[in-house]
């Protein structure tokens, strides 16, 4: 969580209904150049702690200074997995369906010792298309709007991606290659590209439900990376899962991944060229960063 008490409390309400025994809360510190942000951060933290009205063990990691999206989230997950072997992760703008928690819990147990499975998605971006006959399918794409994993998988995470500099880029399209290069160029402050690529480079599988179990409410002017709503987002079909049927075969669903690549990671080639021109021009890139900071 960070500086958005309204969104955060909506997420907390869904967690409260589950009454978890262990609850780990991390928050980045306020940015010094944002008037009023320190107060918003303090309000968010206070409201969350007051809203925990069930018996549970609460541990907090509240930063006094702002680390930025990349370091704040990745170090918080490091902190989380220094204390647990597996767990569910939600950011302050991701509202889960009730079945999200049981879905993650059951599959964390089911694949606990299967190192080929590295990630459990809570999201589905297939626009309502059913992939197979089971409750979920396997993908190469790790989405982070509500997810779960194991310490054994997170231990492979490299924030710099330097460990994977010589890893094969086979199967990666232009958009994914650009994302990797953006990390090496320090051109973006994030953590999720590194996790996505960690799973990719290790040929890990991502469990993906056949319906979207998490609703992202973070789009808007206060968001760090999600200010503009993409077209595919409007086509998401939300639902819940009461029972879980496992796939008969543990294999990537190519049709699903082809659809994801085309709609989400295909990218706009013209826009990609414009972005490259901007990044190669120091004046334009500086202006771009000022507009979106």
C-alpha atoms as a PDB file:
ATOM      1  CA  UNK A   1       0.000   0.000   0.000  1.00  0.00           C
ATOM      2  CA  UNK A   2       1.042   3.641  -0.337  1.00  0.00           C
ATOM      3  CA  UNK A   3      -1.003   6.835  -0.429  1.00  0.00           C
ATOM      4  CA  UNK A   4      -4.540   5.846  -1.492  1.00  0.00           C
ATOM      5  CA  UNK A   5      -6.664   5.102   1.584  1.00  0.00           C
ATOM      6  CA  UNK A   6      -9.942   4.718  -0.329  1.00  0.00           C
ATOM      7  CA  UNK A   7      -8.660   1.984  -2.632  1.00  0.00           C
ATOM      8  CA  UNK A   8      -6.645   0.344   0.120  1.00  0.00           C
ATOM      9  CA  UNK A   9      -9.644   0.015   2.418  1.00  0.00           C
ATOM     10  CA  UNK A  10     -11.638  -1.692  -0.331  1.00  0.00           C
ATOM     11  CA  UNK A  11      -8.902  -4.300  -0.606  1.00  0.00           C
ATOM     12  CA  UNK A  12      -8.733  -4.637   3.176  1.00  0.00           C
ATOM     13  CA  UNK A  13     -12.460  -5.353   3.324  1.00  0.00           C
ATOM     14  CA  UNK A  14     -12.000  -8.388   1.081  1.00  0.00           C
ATOM     15  CA  UNK A  15      -9.087  -9.573   3.216  1.00  0.00           C
ATOM     16  CA  UNK A  16     -11.093  -8.993   6.402  1.00  0.00           C
ATOM     17  CA  UNK A  17     -13.797 -11.352   5.152  1.00  0.00           C
ATOM     18  CA  UNK A  18     -11.158 -14.096   4.908  1.00  0.00           C
ATOM     19  CA  UNK A  19      -9.739 -13.408   8.393  1.00  0.00           C
ATOM     20  CA  UNK A  20      -6.200 -14.649   7.657  1.00  0.00           C
ATOM     21  CA  UNK A  21      -4.126 -15.837  10.587  1.00  0.00           C
ATOM     22  CA  UNK A  22      -1.007 -14.047   9.332  1.00  0.00           C
ATOM     23  CA  UNK A  23      -1.081 -10.615   7.731  1.00  0.00           C
ATOM     24  CA  UNK A  24       1.993  -8.855   6.351  1.00  0.00           C
ATOM     25  CA  UNK A  25       1.645  -5.175   5.420  1.00  0.00           C
ATOM     26  CA  UNK A  26       4.255  -3.109   3.581  1.00  0.00           C
ATOM     27  CA  UNK A  27       4.086   0.564   2.621  1.00  0.00           C
ATOM     28  CA  UNK A  28       6.491   2.868   0.816  1.00  0.00           C
ATOM     29  CA  UNK A  29       7.298   6.251   2.334  1.00  0.00           C
ATOM     30  CA  UNK A  30       6.018   9.594   1.023  1.00  0.00           C
ATOM     31  CA  UNK A  31       7.793  11.507  -1.719  1.00  0.00           C
ATOM     32  CA  UNK A  32       9.327  14.735  -0.448  1.00  0.00           C
ATOM     33  CA  UNK A  33       8.269  16.767  -3.476  1.00  0.00           C
ATOM     34  CA  UNK A  34       4.549  15.888  -3.212  1.00  0.00           C
ATOM     35  CA  UNK A  35       2.666  18.271  -0.888  1.00  0.00           C
ATOM     36  CA  UNK A  36       0.200  16.432   1.305  1.00  0.00           C
ATOM     37  CA  UNK A  37       1.471  12.961   0.436  1.00  0.00           C
ATOM     38  CA  UNK A  38       2.970  12.330   3.878  1.00  0.00           C
ATOM     39  CA  UNK A  39      -0.458  12.904   5.385  1.00  0.00           C
ATOM     40  CA  UNK A  40      -2.117  10.569   2.866  1.00  0.00           C
ATOM     41  CA  UNK A  41       0.418   7.859   3.624  1.00  0.00           C
ATOM     42  CA  UNK A  42      -0.141   8.285   7.362  1.00  0.00           C
ATOM     43  CA  UNK A  43      -3.928   8.164   6.951  1.00  0.00           C
ATOM     44  CA  UNK A  44      -3.693   5.014   4.847  1.00  0.00           C
ATOM     45  CA  UNK A  45      -1.537   3.234   7.414  1.00  0.00           C
ATOM     46  CA  UNK A  46      -3.704   4.314  10.330  1.00  0.00           C
ATOM     47  CA  UNK A  47      -6.955   3.249   8.696  1.00  0.00           C
ATOM     48  CA  UNK A  48      -5.586  -0.160   7.721  1.00  0.00           C
ATOM     49  CA  UNK A  49      -4.309  -0.938  11.218  1.00  0.00           C
ATOM     50  CA  UNK A  50      -7.596   0.198  12.771  1.00  0.00           C
ATOM     51  CA  UNK A  51      -9.507  -1.923  10.261  1.00  0.00           C
ATOM     52  CA  UNK A  52      -7.914  -5.194  11.395  1.00  0.00           C
ATOM     53  CA  UNK A  53     -10.653  -6.360  13.760  1.00  0.00           C
ATOM     54  CA  UNK A  54     -10.005 -10.113  13.781  1.00  0.00           C
ATOM     55  CA  UNK A  55      -7.354 -12.062  15.721  1.00  0.00           C
ATOM     56  CA  UNK A  56      -4.217 -12.412  13.614  1.00  0.00           C
ATOM     57  CA  UNK A  57      -0.489 -11.885  13.687  1.00  0.00           C
ATOM     58  CA  UNK A  58       0.275  -8.559  11.987  1.00  0.00           C
ATOM     59  CA  UNK A  59       3.734  -7.596  10.815  1.00  0.00           C
ATOM     60  CA  UNK A  60       4.486  -4.291   9.136  1.00  0.00           C
ATOM     61  CA  UNK A  61       7.205  -2.788   6.981  1.00  0.00           C
ATOM     62  CA  UNK A  62       6.502   0.935   6.890  1.00  0.00           C
ATOM     63  CA  UNK A  63       9.163   2.927   5.068  1.00  0.00           C
ATOM     64  CA  UNK A  64       9.980   6.412   6.330  1.00  0.00           C
ATOM     65  CA  UNK A  65      11.498   7.487   3.012  1.00  0.00           C
ATOM     66  CA  UNK A  66      10.265   6.845  -0.507  1.00  0.00           C
ATOM     67  CA  UNK A  67      12.074   4.043  -2.314  1.00  0.00           C
ATOM     68  CA  UNK A  68      10.013   4.235  -5.488  1.00  0.00           C
ATOM     69  CA  UNK A  69       7.826   1.570  -7.012  1.00  0.00           C
ATOM     70  CA  UNK A  70      10.610  -0.800  -8.023  1.00  0.00           C
ATOM     71  CA  UNK A  71      12.624  -1.035  -4.832  1.00  0.00           C
ATOM     72  CA  UNK A  72       9.688  -0.574  -2.464  1.00  0.00           C
ATOM     73  CA  UNK A  73       7.662  -3.498  -3.794  1.00  0.00           C
ATOM     74  CA  UNK A  74      10.525  -5.886  -4.550  1.00  0.00           C
ATOM     75  CA  UNK A  75      12.156  -5.339  -1.155  1.00  0.00           C
ATOM     76  CA  UNK A  76       8.766  -5.780   0.527  1.00  0.00           C
ATOM     77  CA  UNK A  77       8.370  -9.166  -1.177  1.00  0.00           C
ATOM     78  CA  UNK A  78      11.944 -10.029  -0.114  1.00  0.00           C
ATOM     79  CA  UNK A  79      10.915  -9.171   3.455  1.00  0.00           C
ATOM     80  CA  UNK A  80       7.750 -11.259   3.126  1.00  0.00           C
ATOM     81  CA  UNK A  81       9.565 -14.352   1.908  1.00  0.00           C
ATOM     82  CA  UNK A  82      12.247 -14.005   4.563  1.00  0.00           C
ATOM     83  CA  UNK A  83       9.465 -15.059   6.963  1.00  0.00           C
ATOM     84  CA  UNK A  84       7.199 -17.419   4.994  1.00  0.00           C
ATOM     85  CA  UNK A  85       7.570 -20.255   2.491  1.00  0.00           C
ATOM     86  CA  UNK A  86       4.569 -19.300   0.359  1.00  0.00           C
ATOM     87  CA  UNK A  87       1.936 -16.612   0.231  1.00  0.00           C
ATOM     88  CA  UNK A  88      -0.594 -14.409  -1.519  1.00  0.00           C
ATOM     89  CA  UNK A  89       0.303 -10.884  -2.637  1.00  0.00           C
ATOM     90  CA  UNK A  90      -2.119  -8.020  -3.231  1.00  0.00           C
ATOM     91  CA  UNK A  91      -1.360  -4.391  -3.993  1.00  0.00           C
ATOM     92  CA  UNK A  92      -3.548  -1.539  -2.801  1.00  0.00           C
ATOM     93  CA  UNK A  93      -5.630  -1.308  -5.978  1.00  0.00           C
ATOM     94  CA  UNK A  94      -6.411  -4.973  -6.618  1.00  0.00           C
ATOM     95  CA  UNK A  95      -9.780  -6.166  -5.302  1.00  0.00           C
ATOM     96  CA  UNK A  96     -10.074  -9.960  -5.228  1.00  0.00           C
ATOM     97  CA  UNK A  97     -13.193 -12.082  -5.504  1.00  0.00           C
ATOM     98  CA  UNK A  98     -13.805 -14.311  -2.464  1.00  0.00           C
ATOM     99  CA  UNK A  99     -12.721 -17.383  -4.410  1.00  0.00           C
ATOM    100  CA  UNK A 100      -9.344 -15.830  -5.216  1.00  0.00           C
ATOM    101  CA  UNK A 101      -8.025 -16.708  -1.780  1.00  0.00           C
ATOM    102  CA  UNK A 102      -9.105 -20.360  -1.829  1.00  0.00           C
ATOM    103  CA  UNK A 103      -7.860 -20.667  -5.431  1.00  0.00           C
ATOM    104  CA  UNK A 104      -4.395 -19.446  -4.455  1.00  0.00           C
ATOM    105  CA  UNK A 105      -4.313 -21.421  -1.200  1.00  0.00           C
ATOM    106  CA  UNK A 106      -5.241 -24.723  -2.819  1.00  0.00           C
ATOM    107  CA  UNK A 107      -2.846 -24.318  -5.722  1.00  0.00           C
ATOM    108  CA  UNK A 108      -0.001 -23.189  -3.478  1.00  0.00           C
ATOM    109  CA  UNK A 109      -0.437 -26.506  -1.726  1.00  0.00           C
ATOM    110  CA  UNK A 110      -1.027 -28.529  -4.901  1.00  0.00           C
ATOM    111  CA  UNK A 111       2.162 -27.317  -6.629  1.00  0.00           C
ATOM    112  CA  UNK A 112       4.228 -26.705  -3.496  1.00  0.00           C
ATOM    113  CA  UNK A 113       6.981 -29.126  -4.516  1.00  0.00           C
ATOM    114  CA  UNK A 114       6.646 -28.747  -8.286  1.00  0.00           C
ATOM    115  CA  UNK A 115       9.455 -26.368  -9.204  1.00  0.00           C
ATOM    116  CA  UNK A 116       8.232 -26.089 -12.807  1.00  0.00           C
ATOM    117  CA  UNK A 117       5.283 -24.015 -11.511  1.00  0.00           C
ATOM    118  CA  UNK A 118       6.511 -20.611 -10.334  1.00  0.00           C
ATOM    119  CA  UNK A 119       3.498 -18.309 -10.283  1.00  0.00           C
ATOM    120  CA  UNK A 120      -0.253 -18.325  -9.631  1.00  0.00           C
ATOM    121  CA  UNK A 121      -2.223 -15.631 -11.452  1.00  0.00           C
ATOM    122  CA  UNK A 122      -5.382 -14.146 -10.017  1.00  0.00           C
ATOM    123  CA  UNK A 123      -6.139 -12.367 -13.273  1.00  0.00           C
ATOM    124  CA  UNK A 124      -7.391 -13.562 -16.639  1.00  0.00           C
ATOM    125  CA  UNK A 125      -7.299 -11.350 -19.747  1.00  0.00           C
ATOM    126  CA  UNK A 126      -8.866 -13.759 -22.252  1.00  0.00           C
ATOM    127  CA  UNK A 127     -12.062 -11.705 -22.729  1.00  0.00           C
ATOM    128  CA  UNK A 128     -14.247 -14.567 -21.557  1.00  0.00           C
ATOM    129  CA  UNK A 129     -12.717 -17.247 -23.791  1.00  0.00           C
ATOM    130  CA  UNK A 130     -12.614 -20.595 -21.984  1.00  0.00           C
ATOM    131  CA  UNK A 131      -9.229 -22.284 -22.259  1.00  0.00           C
ATOM    132  CA  UNK A 132      -9.609 -26.023 -21.785  1.00  0.00           C
ATOM    133  CA  UNK A 133     -12.098 -27.844 -19.595  1.00  0.00           C
ATOM    134  CA  UNK A 134     -10.416 -27.195 -16.235  1.00  0.00           C
ATOM    135  CA  UNK A 135     -10.671 -24.311 -13.770  1.00  0.00           C
ATOM    136  CA  UNK A 136      -7.314 -22.992 -14.927  1.00  0.00           C
ATOM    137  CA  UNK A 137      -4.657 -23.358 -17.592  1.00  0.00           C
ATOM    138  CA  UNK A 138      -0.887 -22.936 -17.760  1.00  0.00           C
ATOM    139  CA  UNK A 139       0.783 -19.894 -19.276  1.00  0.00           C
ATOM    140  CA  UNK A 140       4.208 -18.324 -19.726  1.00  0.00           C
ATOM    141  CA  UNK A 141       2.748 -14.976 -18.683  1.00  0.00           C
ATOM    142  CA  UNK A 142       2.917 -13.959 -15.028  1.00  0.00           C
ATOM    143  CA  UNK A 143       0.386 -11.241 -14.160  1.00  0.00           C
ATOM    144  CA  UNK A 144       0.685  -9.390 -10.858  1.00  0.00           C
ATOM    145  CA  UNK A 145      -2.784  -7.950 -10.213  1.00  0.00           C
ATOM    146  CA  UNK A 146      -3.322 -10.354  -7.334  1.00  0.00           C
ATOM    147  CA  UNK A 147      -1.033 -13.371  -7.352  1.00  0.00           C
ATOM    148  CA  UNK A 148       0.750 -15.983  -5.271  1.00  0.00           C
ATOM    149  CA  UNK A 149       4.047 -17.808  -5.268  1.00  0.00           C
ATOM    150  CA  UNK A 150       6.587 -19.671  -3.183  1.00  0.00           C
ATOM    151  CA  UNK A 151       9.847 -18.634  -1.580  1.00  0.00           C
ATOM    152  CA  UNK A 152      11.537 -21.297  -3.739  1.00  0.00           C
ATOM    153  CA  UNK A 153      10.452 -19.369  -6.855  1.00  0.00           C
ATOM    154  CA  UNK A 154      11.051 -15.833  -5.550  1.00  0.00           C
ATOM    155  CA  UNK A 155      14.642 -16.781  -4.654  1.00  0.00           C
ATOM    156  CA  UNK A 156      15.353 -16.716  -8.395  1.00  0.00           C
ATOM    157  CA  UNK A 157      14.274 -13.061  -8.662  1.00  0.00           C
ATOM    158  CA  UNK A 158      16.908 -10.558  -9.780  1.00  0.00           C
ATOM    159  CA  UNK A 159      15.931  -6.897  -9.612  1.00  0.00           C
ATOM    160  CA  UNK A 160      18.736  -5.932 -12.006  1.00  0.00           C
ATOM    161  CA  UNK A 161      18.188  -8.913 -14.360  1.00  0.00           C
ATOM    162  CA  UNK A 162      21.983  -9.069 -14.670  1.00  0.00           C
ATOM    163  CA  UNK A 163      21.867 -12.730 -13.670  1.00  0.00           C
ATOM    164  CA  UNK A 164      19.837 -13.344 -16.841  1.00  0.00           C
ATOM    165  CA  UNK A 165      21.816 -11.126 -19.206  1.00  0.00           C
ATOM    166  CA  UNK A 166      22.953 -14.134 -21.260  1.00  0.00           C
ATOM    167  CA  UNK A 167      19.687 -16.045 -21.045  1.00  0.00           C
ATOM    168  CA  UNK A 168      17.975 -17.031 -24.275  1.00  0.00           C
ATOM    169  CA  UNK A 169      15.537 -14.471 -25.733  1.00  0.00           C
ATOM    170  CA  UNK A 170      13.826 -17.115 -27.853  1.00  0.00           C
ATOM    171  CA  UNK A 171      10.083 -16.559 -28.147  1.00  0.00           C
ATOM    172  CA  UNK A 172      10.171 -12.963 -26.939  1.00  0.00           C
ATOM    173  CA  UNK A 173       8.539 -10.386 -29.188  1.00  0.00           C
ATOM    174  CA  UNK A 174       9.631  -6.776 -29.651  1.00  0.00           C
ATOM    175  CA  UNK A 175       7.609  -5.510 -26.682  1.00  0.00           C
ATOM    176  CA  UNK A 176       9.162  -7.986 -24.250  1.00  0.00           C
ATOM    177  CA  UNK A 177      12.645  -7.311 -25.607  1.00  0.00           C
ATOM    178  CA  UNK A 178      12.055  -3.589 -25.086  1.00  0.00           C
ATOM    179  CA  UNK A 179      10.941  -4.230 -21.513  1.00  0.00           C
ATOM    180  CA  UNK A 180      14.128  -6.150 -20.755  1.00  0.00           C
ATOM    181  CA  UNK A 181      16.271  -3.413 -22.282  1.00  0.00           C
ATOM    182  CA  UNK A 182      14.399  -0.768 -20.275  1.00  0.00           C
ATOM    183  CA  UNK A 183      15.530  -2.507 -17.087  1.00  0.00           C
ATOM    184  CA  UNK A 184      19.150  -2.619 -18.230  1.00  0.00           C
ATOM    185  CA  UNK A 185      18.947   1.047 -19.258  1.00  0.00           C
ATOM    186  CA  UNK A 186      17.380   2.048 -15.901  1.00  0.00           C
ATOM    187  CA  UNK A 187      14.650   3.689 -17.974  1.00  0.00           C
ATOM    188  CA  UNK A 188      11.727   2.554 -15.820  1.00  0.00           C
ATOM    189  CA  UNK A 189      11.086   2.298 -12.079  1.00  0.00           C
ATOM    190  CA  UNK A 190       9.314  -1.006 -11.634  1.00  0.00           C
ATOM    191  CA  UNK A 191       9.709  -4.513 -10.201  1.00  0.00           C
ATOM    192  CA  UNK A 192       7.169  -6.591 -12.100  1.00  0.00           C
ATOM    193  CA  UNK A 193       9.008  -6.747 -15.420  1.00  0.00           C
ATOM    194  CA  UNK A 194      11.892  -8.388 -13.547  1.00  0.00           C
ATOM    195  CA  UNK A 195       9.574 -10.966 -11.982  1.00  0.00           C
ATOM    196  CA  UNK A 196       7.861 -11.647 -15.309  1.00  0.00           C
ATOM    197  CA  UNK A 197      11.258 -12.200 -16.907  1.00  0.00           C
ATOM    198  CA  UNK A 198      12.512 -14.312 -14.004  1.00  0.00           C
ATOM    199  CA  UNK A 199       9.648 -16.735 -14.586  1.00  0.00           C
ATOM    200  CA  UNK A 200      10.188 -16.554 -18.368  1.00  0.00           C
ATOM    201  CA  UNK A 201      13.946 -17.148 -18.281  1.00  0.00           C
ATOM    202  CA  UNK A 202      13.493 -20.107 -15.922  1.00  0.00           C
ATOM    203  CA  UNK A 203      10.825 -21.568 -18.233  1.00  0.00           C
ATOM    204  CA  UNK A 204       8.420 -21.463 -15.319  1.00  0.00           C
ATOM    205  CA  UNK A 205       4.690 -22.081 -15.600  1.00  0.00           C
ATOM    206  CA  UNK A 206       2.061 -19.606 -14.447  1.00  0.00           C
ATOM    207  CA  UNK A 207      -1.272 -21.021 -13.316  1.00  0.00           C
ATOM    208  CA  UNK A 208      -4.069 -18.854 -14.762  1.00  0.00           C
ATOM    209  CA  UNK A 209      -7.750 -19.090 -13.730  1.00  0.00           C
ATOM    210  CA  UNK A 210     -10.340 -19.402 -16.483  1.00  0.00           C
ATOM    211  CA  UNK A 211     -12.087 -16.302 -15.167  1.00  0.00           C
ATOM    212  CA  UNK A 212     -10.652 -13.076 -13.802  1.00  0.00           C
ATOM    213  CA  UNK A 213     -10.656 -13.215  -9.991  1.00  0.00           C
ATOM    214  CA  UNK A 214      -9.180  -9.752  -9.389  1.00  0.00           C
ATOM    215  CA  UNK A 215     -10.481  -6.323 -10.345  1.00  0.00           C
ATOM    216  CA  UNK A 216      -7.938  -3.522 -10.696  1.00  0.00           C
ATOM    217  CA  UNK A 217      -9.296  -0.155  -9.534  1.00  0.00           C
ATOM    218  CA  UNK A 218      -6.027   1.711  -9.847  1.00  0.00           C
ATOM    219  CA  UNK A 219      -6.421   3.431 -13.200  1.00  0.00           C
ATOM    220  CA  UNK A 220      -6.442   7.197 -12.955  1.00  0.00           C
ATOM    221  CA  UNK A 221      -4.403  10.337 -12.382  1.00  0.00           C
ATOM    222  CA  UNK A 222      -3.086   9.158  -9.002  1.00  0.00           C
ATOM    223  CA  UNK A 223      -1.625   5.959 -10.396  1.00  0.00           C
ATOM    224  CA  UNK A 224       2.092   5.492 -10.992  1.00  0.00           C
ATOM    225  CA  UNK A 225       1.970   3.280 -14.100  1.00  0.00           C
ATOM    226  CA  UNK A 226      -1.726   2.801 -14.924  1.00  0.00           C
ATOM    227  CA  UNK A 227      -3.071   6.219 -15.854  1.00  0.00           C
ATOM    228  CA  UNK A 228      -4.597   5.243 -19.172  1.00  0.00           C
ATOM    229  CA  UNK A 229      -7.022   2.337 -19.504  1.00  0.00           C
ATOM    230  CA  UNK A 230      -6.110   0.036 -22.433  1.00  0.00           C
ATOM    231  CA  UNK A 231      -8.717  -1.490 -24.707  1.00  0.00           C
ATOM    232  CA  UNK A 232      -8.151  -5.072 -23.531  1.00  0.00           C
ATOM    233  CA  UNK A 233      -8.901  -4.012 -19.956  1.00  0.00           C
ATOM    234  CA  UNK A 234     -12.491  -3.167 -20.895  1.00  0.00           C
ATOM    235  CA  UNK A 235     -13.010  -6.708 -22.208  1.00  0.00           C
ATOM    236  CA  UNK A 236     -12.083  -8.511 -18.986  1.00  0.00           C
ATOM    237  CA  UNK A 237     -14.742 -10.956 -17.796  1.00  0.00           C
ATOM    238  CA  UNK A 238     -14.885 -11.201 -14.007  1.00  0.00           C
ATOM    239  CA  UNK A 239     -16.206 -14.075 -11.960  1.00  0.00           C
ATOM    240  CA  UNK A 240     -15.409 -16.497  -9.172  1.00  0.00           C
ATOM    241  CA  UNK A 241     -14.435 -20.132  -8.680  1.00  0.00           C
ATOM    242  CA  UNK A 242     -16.181 -22.242  -6.070  1.00  0.00           C
ATOM    243  CA  UNK A 243     -14.637 -25.565  -7.123  1.00  0.00           C
ATOM    244  CA  UNK A 244     -11.302 -26.310  -8.724  1.00  0.00           C
ATOM    245  CA  UNK A 245     -10.783 -28.818 -11.503  1.00  0.00           C
ATOM    246  CA  UNK A 246      -7.172 -29.474 -12.450  1.00  0.00           C
ATOM    247  CA  UNK A 247      -6.073 -29.784 -16.107  1.00  0.00           C
ATOM    248  CA  UNK A 248      -5.441 -33.304 -17.333  1.00  0.00           C
ATOM    249  CA  UNK A 249      -2.075 -32.266 -18.816  1.00  0.00           C
ATOM    250  CA  UNK A 250       0.511 -29.847 -17.453  1.00  0.00           C
ATOM    251  CA  UNK A 251       1.353 -27.897 -20.588  1.00  0.00           C
ATOM    252  CA  UNK A 252       1.217 -24.288 -21.751  1.00  0.00           C
ATOM    253  CA  UNK A 253      -2.021 -23.359 -23.499  1.00  0.00           C
ATOM    254  CA  UNK A 254      -0.608 -21.927 -26.735  1.00  0.00           C
ATOM    255  CA  UNK A 255      -3.897 -20.458 -27.930  1.00  0.00           C
ATOM    256  CA  UNK A 256      -4.272 -18.500 -24.703  1.00  0.00           C
ATOM    257  CA  UNK A 257      -0.697 -17.235 -24.785  1.00  0.00           C
ATOM    258  CA  UNK A 258      -0.967 -16.274 -28.456  1.00  0.00           C
ATOM    259  CA  UNK A 259      -4.057 -14.236 -27.586  1.00  0.00           C
ATOM    260  CA  UNK A 260      -2.271 -12.579 -24.662  1.00  0.00           C
ATOM    261  CA  UNK A 261       0.722 -11.750 -26.819  1.00  0.00           C
ATOM    262  CA  UNK A 262      -1.440 -10.217 -29.505  1.00  0.00           C
ATOM    263  CA  UNK A 263      -3.729  -8.192 -27.250  1.00  0.00           C
ATOM    264  CA  UNK A 264      -1.503  -7.214 -24.312  1.00  0.00           C
ATOM    265  CA  UNK A 265       2.134  -7.731 -25.211  1.00  0.00           C
ATOM    266  CA  UNK A 266       1.874  -7.215 -28.951  1.00  0.00           C
ATOM    267  CA  UNK A 267       2.270  -3.503 -28.540  1.00  0.00           C
ATOM    268  CA  UNK A 268       1.715  -0.714 -31.030  1.00  0.00           C
ATOM    269  CA  UNK A 269       4.643  -0.772 -33.471  1.00  0.00           C
ATOM    270  CA  UNK A 270       4.297   2.903 -34.367  1.00  0.00           C
ATOM    271  CA  UNK A 271       4.107   3.846 -30.686  1.00  0.00           C
ATOM    272  CA  UNK A 272       7.154   1.677 -30.024  1.00  0.00           C
ATOM    273  CA  UNK A 273       9.138   3.561 -32.644  1.00  0.00           C
ATOM    274  CA  UNK A 274       8.069   6.906 -31.185  1.00  0.00           C
ATOM    275  CA  UNK A 275       9.136   5.772 -27.699  1.00  0.00           C
ATOM    276  CA  UNK A 276      12.539   4.721 -28.991  1.00  0.00           C
ATOM    277  CA  UNK A 277      13.019   8.115 -30.646  1.00  0.00           C
ATOM    278  CA  UNK A 278      12.061   9.867 -27.401  1.00  0.00           C
ATOM    279  CA  UNK A 279      14.447   7.737 -25.303  1.00  0.00           C
ATOM    280  CA  UNK A 280      17.319   8.372 -27.697  1.00  0.00           C
ATOM    281  CA  UNK A 281      16.828  12.147 -27.437  1.00  0.00           C
ATOM    282  CA  UNK A 282      17.943  13.385 -23.997  1.00  0.00           C
ATOM    283  CA  UNK A 283      15.822  16.557 -24.140  1.00  0.00           C
ATOM    284  CA  UNK A 284      12.649  14.730 -25.199  1.00  0.00           C
ATOM    285  CA  UNK A 285      13.215  11.929 -22.682  1.00  0.00           C
ATOM    286  CA  UNK A 286      13.736  14.417 -19.849  1.00  0.00           C
ATOM    287  CA  UNK A 287      10.494  16.172 -20.824  1.00  0.00           C
ATOM    288  CA  UNK A 288       8.675  12.804 -20.986  1.00  0.00           C
ATOM    289  CA  UNK A 289       9.836  11.901 -17.478  1.00  0.00           C
ATOM    290  CA  UNK A 290       8.746  15.284 -16.101  1.00  0.00           C
ATOM    291  CA  UNK A 291       5.257  14.928 -17.603  1.00  0.00           C
ATOM    292  CA  UNK A 292       4.724  11.448 -16.142  1.00  0.00           C
ATOM    293  CA  UNK A 293       6.413  12.019 -12.760  1.00  0.00           C
END
